[in-house]
Amino acid sequence: MDKKTYLQKAKIQYEAALCLFKNGYINDAISRHYYSFRSLCIHIVGKPEKGK
């Protein structure tokens, strides 16, 4: 995936997290927030080395 795709993915995951949170699915919302943050980090600094 290119960096633009990771940014788009982060935005979608963030919106999903907000939707889950608003509907009372707290654990699922936390998971989506984690993946949103991870995708944003990959967008900013690149993919981690294999096995990291």
N, C-alpha and C. Protein backbone atom coordinates (compact mmCIF):
# COMPACT_ATOMS: atom_id res chain seq x y z
N MET A 1 0.84 -1.19 0.00
CA MET A 1 0.00 0.00 0.00
C MET A 1 0.88 1.25 0.00
N ASP A 2 0.43 2.26 -0.68
CA ASP A 2 1.17 3.51 -0.64
C ASP A 2 0.70 4.36 0.53
N LYS A 3 1.43 5.44 0.80
CA LYS A 3 1.12 6.26 1.97
C LYS A 3 -0.28 6.87 1.91
N LYS A 4 -0.72 7.27 0.73
CA LYS A 4 -2.05 7.86 0.59
C LYS A 4 -3.11 6.86 1.03
N THR A 5 -2.92 5.62 0.66
CA THR A 5 -3.87 4.58 1.03
C THR A 5 -3.92 4.38 2.54
N TYR A 6 -2.77 4.42 3.20
CA TYR A 6 -2.76 4.27 4.66
C TYR A 6 -3.48 5.44 5.35
N LEU A 7 -3.35 6.63 4.82
CA LEU A 7 -4.05 7.77 5.40
C LEU A 7 -5.56 7.61 5.23
N GLN A 8 -5.98 7.19 4.05
CA GLN A 8 -7.41 6.95 3.82
C GLN A 8 -7.92 5.85 4.75
N LYS A 9 -7.14 4.80 4.90
CA LYS A 9 -7.51 3.69 5.76
C LYS A 9 -7.65 4.17 7.22
N ALA A 10 -6.74 5.01 7.67
CA ALA A 10 -6.79 5.55 9.03
C ALA A 10 -8.07 6.36 9.24
N LYS A 11 -8.44 7.16 8.26
CA LYS A 11 -9.66 7.97 8.38
C LYS A 11 -10.90 7.10 8.46
N ILE A 12 -10.96 6.06 7.64
CA ILE A 12 -12.11 5.16 7.65
C ILE A 12 -12.20 4.42 8.98
N GLN A 13 -11.06 3.94 9.48
CA GLN A 13 -11.05 3.23 10.76
C GLN A 13 -11.45 4.15 11.91
N TYR A 14 -11.03 5.40 11.84
CA TYR A 14 -11.41 6.37 12.87
C TYR A 14 -12.92 6.60 12.88
N GLU A 15 -13.48 6.79 11.71
CA GLU A 15 -14.93 6.99 11.61
C GLU A 15 -15.69 5.76 12.12
N ALA A 16 -15.19 4.58 11.81
CA ALA A 16 -15.81 3.35 12.30
C ALA A 16 -15.74 3.29 13.82
N ALA A 17 -14.62 3.70 14.38
CA ALA A 17 -14.45 3.71 15.83
C ALA A 17 -15.47 4.65 16.49
N LEU A 18 -15.66 5.81 15.91
CA LEU A 18 -16.62 6.76 16.48
C LEU A 18 -18.04 6.19 16.42
N CYS A 19 -18.37 5.57 15.32
CA CYS A 19 -19.69 4.96 15.16
C CYS A 19 -19.91 3.85 16.20
N LEU A 20 -18.92 3.00 16.37
CA LEU A 20 -19.01 1.93 17.36
C LEU A 20 -19.16 2.50 18.77
N PHE A 21 -18.38 3.52 19.07
CA PHE A 21 -18.43 4.13 20.40
C PHE A 21 -19.81 4.72 20.69
N LYS A 22 -20.35 5.43 19.71
CA LYS A 22 -21.67 6.05 19.87
C LYS A 22 -22.77 5.03 20.09
N ASN A 23 -22.56 3.81 19.59
CA ASN A 23 -23.56 2.76 19.74
C ASN A 23 -23.27 1.80 20.89
N GLY A 24 -22.30 2.17 21.73
CA GLY A 24 -22.05 1.42 22.95
C GLY A 24 -21.08 0.25 22.83
N TYR A 25 -20.43 0.10 21.69
CA TYR A 25 -19.47 -1.00 21.51
C TYR A 25 -18.06 -0.50 21.84
N ILE A 26 -17.82 -0.34 23.13
CA ILE A 26 -16.59 0.30 23.59
C ILE A 26 -15.34 -0.50 23.22
N ASN A 27 -15.32 -1.80 23.50
CA ASN A 27 -14.14 -2.62 23.20
C ASN A 27 -13.84 -2.63 21.71
N ASP A 28 -14.86 -2.73 20.89
CA ASP A 28 -14.66 -2.71 19.44
C ASP A 28 -14.16 -1.34 18.98
N ALA A 29 -14.67 -0.29 19.60
CA ALA A 29 -14.23 1.07 19.25
C ALA A 29 -12.75 1.26 19.58
N ILE A 30 -12.33 0.73 20.72
CA ILE A 30 -10.91 0.83 21.11
C ILE A 30 -10.04 0.11 20.09
N SER A 31 -10.48 -1.04 19.65
CA SER A 31 -9.73 -1.80 18.64
C SER A 31 -9.61 -1.01 17.34
N ARG A 32 -10.71 -0.42 16.89
CA ARG A 32 -10.68 0.37 15.66
C ARG A 32 -9.77 1.58 15.82
N HIS A 33 -9.79 2.21 17.01
CA HIS A 33 -8.90 3.36 17.26
C HIS A 33 -7.44 2.92 17.18
N TYR A 34 -7.14 1.76 17.73
CA TYR A 34 -5.76 1.24 17.66
C TYR A 34 -5.32 1.11 16.21
N TYR A 35 -6.14 0.46 15.39
CA TYR A 35 -5.76 0.25 13.99
C TYR A 35 -5.73 1.56 13.21
N SER A 36 -6.57 2.51 13.59
CA SER A 36 -6.53 3.83 12.97
C SER A 36 -5.19 4.50 13.27
N PHE A 37 -4.78 4.44 14.53
CA PHE A 37 -3.50 5.05 14.94
C PHE A 37 -2.33 4.35 14.25
N ARG A 38 -2.39 3.02 14.15
CA ARG A 38 -1.33 2.26 13.50
C ARG A 38 -1.22 2.65 12.03
N SER A 39 -2.34 2.76 11.34
CA SER A 39 -2.33 3.15 9.93
C SER A 39 -1.79 4.57 9.77
N LEU A 40 -2.14 5.45 10.69
CA LEU A 40 -1.63 6.82 10.63
C LEU A 40 -0.12 6.84 10.84
N CYS A 41 0.37 6.04 11.77
CA CYS A 41 1.82 5.96 12.02
C CYS A 41 2.55 5.44 10.79
N ILE A 42 2.00 4.43 10.14
CA ILE A 42 2.62 3.90 8.93
C ILE A 42 2.62 4.97 7.84
N HIS A 43 1.57 5.75 7.76
CA HIS A 43 1.52 6.85 6.80
C HIS A 43 2.64 7.86 7.06
N ILE A 44 2.90 8.14 8.33
CA ILE A 44 3.88 9.18 8.68
C ILE A 44 5.31 8.67 8.58
N VAL A 45 5.60 7.49 9.16
CA VAL A 45 6.99 7.04 9.25
C VAL A 45 7.32 5.83 8.39
N GLY A 46 6.34 5.21 7.78
CA GLY A 46 6.58 4.04 6.95
C GLY A 46 6.35 2.75 7.72
N LYS A 47 6.40 1.65 7.00
CA LYS A 47 6.17 0.34 7.60
C LYS A 47 7.31 -0.05 8.52
N PRO A 48 7.00 -0.76 9.61
CA PRO A 48 8.08 -1.25 10.48
C PRO A 48 8.85 -2.36 9.78
N GLU A 49 10.06 -2.62 10.26
CA GLU A 49 10.84 -3.71 9.72
C GLU A 49 10.10 -5.03 9.96
N LYS A 50 10.36 -5.99 9.12
CA LYS A 50 9.71 -7.29 9.25
C LYS A 50 10.06 -7.91 10.61
N GLY A 51 9.04 -8.40 11.30
CA GLY A 51 9.24 -9.01 12.60
C GLY A 51 9.21 -8.04 13.77
N LYS A 52 8.97 -6.77 13.49
CA LYS A 52 8.93 -5.76 14.56
C LYS A 52 7.51 -5.42 14.92
